[in-house]
Amino acid sequence: MSPIRAAVPFGRLSDRVGRRPVYLFGAIGVVVWAVPFFLLMNTGTPAMIWIAIIVAVGLCHSAMIGTQPSFFSELFTGKVRYSGLSIGHEVAAIFAGGVAPLIATALLAWAGHFWPIAIYLAILGLISTIAVYCAPETASRFQTSTPSSGLDHNSANTGRIGESV
């Protein structure tokens, strides 16, 4: 299952049930799947390795990446959306993505086993889970109104970042 094939249905699902539940499914999946992923990878059996990858990428990652563009952009008003989304995404990429291979390599060199890496991955998933749990649901804000309703999404009191109160 390619990530793009899985991400689109997860994005569509987030339109129906909300951004947070779908993203939480992926983030909690990372926490739960971290240890089984490495256990399956260490079997050396191609079928087990494929199962590990399909669940990790096809379900956990795709649930988050399919929801992320709309979820994150809806957290900001139109006035600050581009800056807020860009800064948030790039700073997170530096600290979570950019140094992750270095940290994983150091953990493997230190322990000689995958357990510290699995724990590190689970901690990152837990941080994502907590952040999404604390974030407001954004999908319903845009689905309950239509362009003909006269609701201005940039001035409505929605609790989004960059909004004047």
Foldseek 3Di string as FASTA:
>chain_A
DALVVQLQVLLVVCLVPFLLVLLLQLLVLQLVLLVLLQVLVVVVDPVSNVVSCCCNRNRNVSSNVSSPPVFQLLLAAPVCSVVSSVVVVVVCCVVPPVCLVVVQVVVCVVPVDNVVNSVVSNVVSVVSNVVSVPGDTRSCVPVVDDPVVPDDRRADPDNHPPYDD
